[in-house]
C-alpha cells in the first residue's frame, strides 16, 4: 500500500530537474566564455589598429627621410623597419580576425545553450504538470474515501 502512494515517475522528475539545472550551468559557462571572447576580440582589434598605425608611421618616416636626402644605409634600415611594422600589422589583423571568429562561435554556443536549457525546462514542466495532476488525483481519492 505504501509503495502505491509514491509518485511513479519520481526518478524521471528528479532527472528532468537535474537536467534543467545542468543546462542552466552550461548556459552560464557559455555566456562567460562569450563575454571573454568578445573582450579578447576587442583587444585584438585595438592591437591591430595600433600595429597598422605603426606601420603607416614607419612608411611615412621612410618617405620623409628620402625627401630629406638621407643616406642609402639609413633608408635601407628605415625601409626594413617599415616592412617589419607592416608585417606585424598583417599578423595583428589576422589575429583579430581569428579572435572575432572565436567570439562569433562563442555567441553561437550561447544560443545553442539557451535552446537546450529551454528544451530541458519544457521537458521538466511536462513532468511537473503530470506530477501536479497525480497529486490532485490522489487528493480527490483521499477526499472520496473520507466522505
C-alpha atoms as a PDB file:
ATOM      1  CA  UNK A   1       0.000   0.000   0.000  1.00  0.00           C
ATOM      2  CA  UNK A   2       2.816   2.417   0.856  1.00  0.00           C
ATOM      3  CA  UNK A   3       4.507   1.698  -2.471  1.00  0.00           C
ATOM      4  CA  UNK A   4       1.306   2.773  -4.266  1.00  0.00           C
ATOM      5  CA  UNK A   5       1.495   6.198  -2.634  1.00  0.00           C
ATOM      6  CA  UNK A   6       4.852   7.050  -4.158  1.00  0.00           C
ATOM      7  CA  UNK A   7       4.893   9.049  -7.375  1.00  0.00           C
ATOM      8  CA  UNK A   8       5.612   6.528 -10.146  1.00  0.00           C
ATOM      9  CA  UNK A   9       7.731   8.973 -12.172  1.00  0.00           C
ATOM     10  CA  UNK A  10       9.835  10.266  -9.273  1.00  0.00           C
ATOM     11  CA  UNK A  11      13.092   9.170 -10.905  1.00  0.00           C
ATOM     12  CA  UNK A  12      12.154  10.877 -14.175  1.00  0.00           C
ATOM     13  CA  UNK A  13      11.107  14.002 -12.295  1.00  0.00           C
ATOM     14  CA  UNK A  14      14.467  14.144 -10.496  1.00  0.00           C
ATOM     15  CA  UNK A  15      16.356  13.522 -13.752  1.00  0.00           C
ATOM     16  CA  UNK A  16      14.481  16.330 -15.531  1.00  0.00           C
ATOM     17  CA  UNK A  17      15.231  18.673 -12.646  1.00  0.00           C
ATOM     18  CA  UNK A  18      18.935  17.785 -12.728  1.00  0.00           C
ATOM     19  CA  UNK A  19      18.986  18.212 -16.498  1.00  0.00           C
ATOM     20  CA  UNK A  20      17.434  21.689 -16.265  1.00  0.00           C
ATOM     21  CA  UNK A  21      19.974  22.734 -13.614  1.00  0.00           C
ATOM     22  CA  UNK A  22      22.809  21.315 -15.700  1.00  0.00           C
ATOM     23  CA  UNK A  23      21.622  23.216 -18.770  1.00  0.00           C
ATOM     24  CA  UNK A  24      21.428  26.418 -16.735  1.00  0.00           C
ATOM     25  CA  UNK A  25      25.043  25.912 -15.669  1.00  0.00           C
ATOM     26  CA  UNK A  26      26.012  25.218 -19.293  1.00  0.00           C
ATOM     27  CA  UNK A  27      24.365  28.483 -20.308  1.00  0.00           C
ATOM     28  CA  UNK A  28      26.219  30.393 -17.601  1.00  0.00           C
ATOM     29  CA  UNK A  29      29.539  28.912 -18.722  1.00  0.00           C
ATOM     30  CA  UNK A  30      28.813  29.657 -22.384  1.00  0.00           C
ATOM     31  CA  UNK A  31      27.841  33.228 -21.523  1.00  0.00           C
ATOM     32  CA  UNK A  32      31.049  33.740 -19.551  1.00  0.00           C
ATOM     33  CA  UNK A  33      33.087  32.295 -22.413  1.00  0.00           C
ATOM     34  CA  UNK A  34      31.312  34.527 -24.937  1.00  0.00           C
ATOM     35  CA  UNK A  35      31.956  37.592 -22.797  1.00  0.00           C
ATOM     36  CA  UNK A  36      35.642  36.718 -22.533  1.00  0.00           C
ATOM     37  CA  UNK A  37      35.855  36.045 -26.283  1.00  0.00           C
ATOM     38  CA  UNK A  38      34.211  39.384 -27.079  1.00  0.00           C
ATOM     39  CA  UNK A  39      36.700  41.153 -24.812  1.00  0.00           C
ATOM     40  CA  UNK A  40      39.601  39.326 -26.449  1.00  0.00           C
ATOM     41  CA  UNK A  41      38.305  40.249 -29.900  1.00  0.00           C
ATOM     42  CA  UNK A  42      38.052  43.918 -28.927  1.00  0.00           C
ATOM     43  CA  UNK A  43      41.586  43.867 -27.524  1.00  0.00           C
ATOM     44  CA  UNK A  44      42.879  42.178 -30.696  1.00  0.00           C
ATOM     45  CA  UNK A  45      41.152  44.843 -32.811  1.00  0.00           C
ATOM     46  CA  UNK A  46      42.860  47.533 -30.744  1.00  0.00           C
ATOM     47  CA  UNK A  47      46.242  45.849 -31.184  1.00  0.00           C
ATOM     48  CA  UNK A  48      45.665  45.532 -34.933  1.00  0.00           C
ATOM     49  CA  UNK A  49      44.751  49.219 -35.209  1.00  0.00           C
ATOM     50  CA  UNK A  50      47.857  50.215 -33.242  1.00  0.00           C
ATOM     51  CA  UNK A  51      50.055  47.980 -35.400  1.00  0.00           C
ATOM     52  CA  UNK A  52      48.546  49.428 -38.596  1.00  0.00           C
ATOM     53  CA  UNK A  53      49.200  52.943 -37.330  1.00  0.00           C
ATOM     54  CA  UNK A  54      52.811  51.998 -36.500  1.00  0.00           C
ATOM     55  CA  UNK A  55      53.258  50.539 -39.988  1.00  0.00           C
ATOM     56  CA  UNK A  56      51.856  53.666 -41.625  1.00  0.00           C
ATOM     57  CA  UNK A  57      54.057  55.878 -39.477  1.00  0.00           C
ATOM     58  CA  UNK A  58      57.154  53.851 -40.371  1.00  0.00           C
ATOM     59  CA  UNK A  59      56.326  54.131 -44.081  1.00  0.00           C
ATOM     60  CA  UNK A  60      55.819  57.879 -43.729  1.00  0.00           C
ATOM     61  CA  UNK A  61      59.162  58.143 -41.976  1.00  0.00           C
ATOM     62  CA  UNK A  62      60.904  56.354 -44.882  1.00  0.00           C
ATOM     63  CA  UNK A  63      59.348  58.845 -47.319  1.00  0.00           C
ATOM     64  CA  UNK A  64      60.333  61.772 -45.089  1.00  0.00           C
ATOM     65  CA  UNK A  65      63.919  60.519 -44.843  1.00  0.00           C
ATOM     66  CA  UNK A  66      64.108  60.070 -48.629  1.00  0.00           C
ATOM     67  CA  UNK A  67      62.882  63.629 -49.193  1.00  0.00           C
ATOM     68  CA  UNK A  68      65.477  64.945 -46.750  1.00  0.00           C
ATOM     69  CA  UNK A  69      68.239  63.166 -48.663  1.00  0.00           C
ATOM     70  CA  UNK A  70      69.194  60.516 -46.094  1.00  0.00           C
ATOM     71  CA  UNK A  71      71.959  58.064 -46.863  1.00  0.00           C
ATOM     72  CA  UNK A  72      71.242  54.764 -48.559  1.00  0.00           C
ATOM     73  CA  UNK A  73      72.156  52.844 -45.413  1.00  0.00           C
ATOM     74  CA  UNK A  74      69.714  54.865 -43.308  1.00  0.00           C
ATOM     75  CA  UNK A  75      66.992  54.461 -45.933  1.00  0.00           C
ATOM     76  CA  UNK A  76      67.661  50.727 -46.050  1.00  0.00           C
ATOM     77  CA  UNK A  77      67.340  50.442 -42.266  1.00  0.00           C
ATOM     78  CA  UNK A  78      64.184  52.568 -42.226  1.00  0.00           C
ATOM     79  CA  UNK A  79      62.677  50.552 -45.068  1.00  0.00           C
ATOM     80  CA  UNK A  80      63.429  47.275 -43.257  1.00  0.00           C
ATOM     81  CA  UNK A  81      61.808  48.712 -40.140  1.00  0.00           C
ATOM     82  CA  UNK A  82      58.728  49.772 -42.135  1.00  0.00           C
ATOM     83  CA  UNK A  83      58.459  46.305 -43.705  1.00  0.00           C
ATOM     84  CA  UNK A  84      58.657  44.718 -40.253  1.00  0.00           C
ATOM     85  CA  UNK A  85      55.941  47.076 -38.942  1.00  0.00           C
ATOM     86  CA  UNK A  86      53.690  46.270 -41.931  1.00  0.00           C
ATOM     87  CA  UNK A  87      54.235  42.539 -41.357  1.00  0.00           C
ATOM     88  CA  UNK A  88      53.383  42.988 -37.673  1.00  0.00           C
ATOM     89  CA  UNK A  89      50.219  44.831 -38.734  1.00  0.00           C
ATOM     90  CA  UNK A  90      49.210  41.947 -41.042  1.00  0.00           C
ATOM     91  CA  UNK A  91      49.857  39.444 -38.262  1.00  0.00           C
ATOM     92  CA  UNK A  92      47.823  41.508 -35.805  1.00  0.00           C
ATOM     93  CA  UNK A  93      44.962  41.802 -38.334  1.00  0.00           C
ATOM     94  CA  UNK A  94      44.940  38.012 -38.799  1.00  0.00           C
ATOM     95  CA  UNK A  95      44.897  37.513 -35.034  1.00  0.00           C
ATOM     96  CA  UNK A  96      41.989  39.973 -34.759  1.00  0.00           C
ATOM     97  CA  UNK A  97      40.067  38.069 -37.425  1.00  0.00           C
ATOM     98  CA  UNK A  98      40.646  34.793 -35.571  1.00  0.00           C
ATOM     99  CA  UNK A  99      39.529  36.411 -32.305  1.00  0.00           C
ATOM    100  CA  UNK A 100      36.409  37.791 -33.990  1.00  0.00           C
ATOM    101  CA  UNK A 101      35.610  34.323 -35.388  1.00  0.00           C
ATOM    102  CA  UNK A 102      36.066  32.819 -31.911  1.00  0.00           C
ATOM    103  CA  UNK A 103      33.698  35.447 -30.476  1.00  0.00           C
ATOM    104  CA  UNK A 104      31.069  34.622 -33.103  1.00  0.00           C
ATOM    105  CA  UNK A 105      31.425  30.917 -32.342  1.00  0.00           C
ATOM    106  CA  UNK A 106      31.087  31.593 -28.609  1.00  0.00           C
ATOM    107  CA  UNK A 107      27.940  33.635 -29.258  1.00  0.00           C
ATOM    108  CA  UNK A 108      26.518  30.728 -31.258  1.00  0.00           C
ATOM    109  CA  UNK A 109      27.299  28.422 -28.333  1.00  0.00           C
ATOM    110  CA  UNK A 110      25.268  30.724 -26.082  1.00  0.00           C
ATOM    111  CA  UNK A 111      22.320  30.450 -28.466  1.00  0.00           C
ATOM    112  CA  UNK A 112      22.596  26.652 -28.528  1.00  0.00           C
ATOM    113  CA  UNK A 113      22.920  26.510 -24.722  1.00  0.00           C
ATOM    114  CA  UNK A 114      19.871  28.761 -24.347  1.00  0.00           C
ATOM    115  CA  UNK A 115      17.865  26.481 -26.671  1.00  0.00           C
ATOM    116  CA  UNK A 116      18.990  23.380 -24.774  1.00  0.00           C
ATOM    117  CA  UNK A 117      18.020  24.982 -21.479  1.00  0.00           C
ATOM    118  CA  UNK A 118      14.599  25.885 -22.872  1.00  0.00           C
ATOM    119  CA  UNK A 119      14.060  22.328 -24.071  1.00  0.00           C
ATOM    120  CA  UNK A 120      15.138  20.907 -20.705  1.00  0.00           C
ATOM    121  CA  UNK A 121      12.820  23.263 -18.843  1.00  0.00           C
ATOM    122  CA  UNK A 122       9.946  22.374 -21.155  1.00  0.00           C
ATOM    123  CA  UNK A 123      10.529  18.658 -20.564  1.00  0.00           C
ATOM    124  CA  UNK A 124      10.669  19.319 -16.826  1.00  0.00           C
ATOM    125  CA  UNK A 125       7.413  21.274 -16.960  1.00  0.00           C
ATOM    126  CA  UNK A 126       5.667  18.332 -18.645  1.00  0.00           C
ATOM    127  CA  UNK A 127       6.725  16.054 -15.797  1.00  0.00           C
ATOM    128  CA  UNK A 128       5.795  18.687 -13.190  1.00  0.00           C
ATOM    129  CA  UNK A 129       2.317  19.094 -14.690  1.00  0.00           C
ATOM    130  CA  UNK A 130       1.909  15.309 -14.626  1.00  0.00           C
ATOM    131  CA  UNK A 131       3.070  15.289 -11.002  1.00  0.00           C
ATOM    132  CA  UNK A 132       0.555  18.007 -10.139  1.00  0.00           C
ATOM    133  CA  UNK A 133      -2.269  16.050 -11.815  1.00  0.00           C
ATOM    134  CA  UNK A 134      -1.176  12.915  -9.974  1.00  0.00           C
ATOM    135  CA  UNK A 135      -1.224  14.787  -6.653  1.00  0.00           C
ATOM    136  CA  UNK A 136      -4.660  16.225  -7.436  1.00  0.00           C
ATOM    137  CA  UNK A 137      -5.965  12.752  -8.302  1.00  0.00           C
ATOM    138  CA  UNK A 138      -4.542  11.371  -5.063  1.00  0.00           C
ATOM    139  CA  UNK A 139      -6.149  14.242  -3.122  1.00  0.00           C
ATOM    140  CA  UNK A 140      -9.546  13.594  -4.761  1.00  0.00           C
ATOM    141  CA  UNK A 141      -9.283   9.882  -3.975  1.00  0.00           C
ATOM    142  CA  UNK A 142      -8.455  10.701  -0.367  1.00  0.00           C
ATOM    143  CA  UNK A 143     -11.427  13.121  -0.153  1.00  0.00           C
ATOM    144  CA  UNK A 144     -13.767  10.499  -1.618  1.00  0.00           C
ATOM    145  CA  UNK A 145     -12.597   7.944   0.918  1.00  0.00           C
ATOM    146  CA  UNK A 146     -13.161  10.453   3.730  1.00  0.00           C
ATOM    147  CA  UNK A 147     -16.738  11.149   2.600  1.00  0.00           C
END
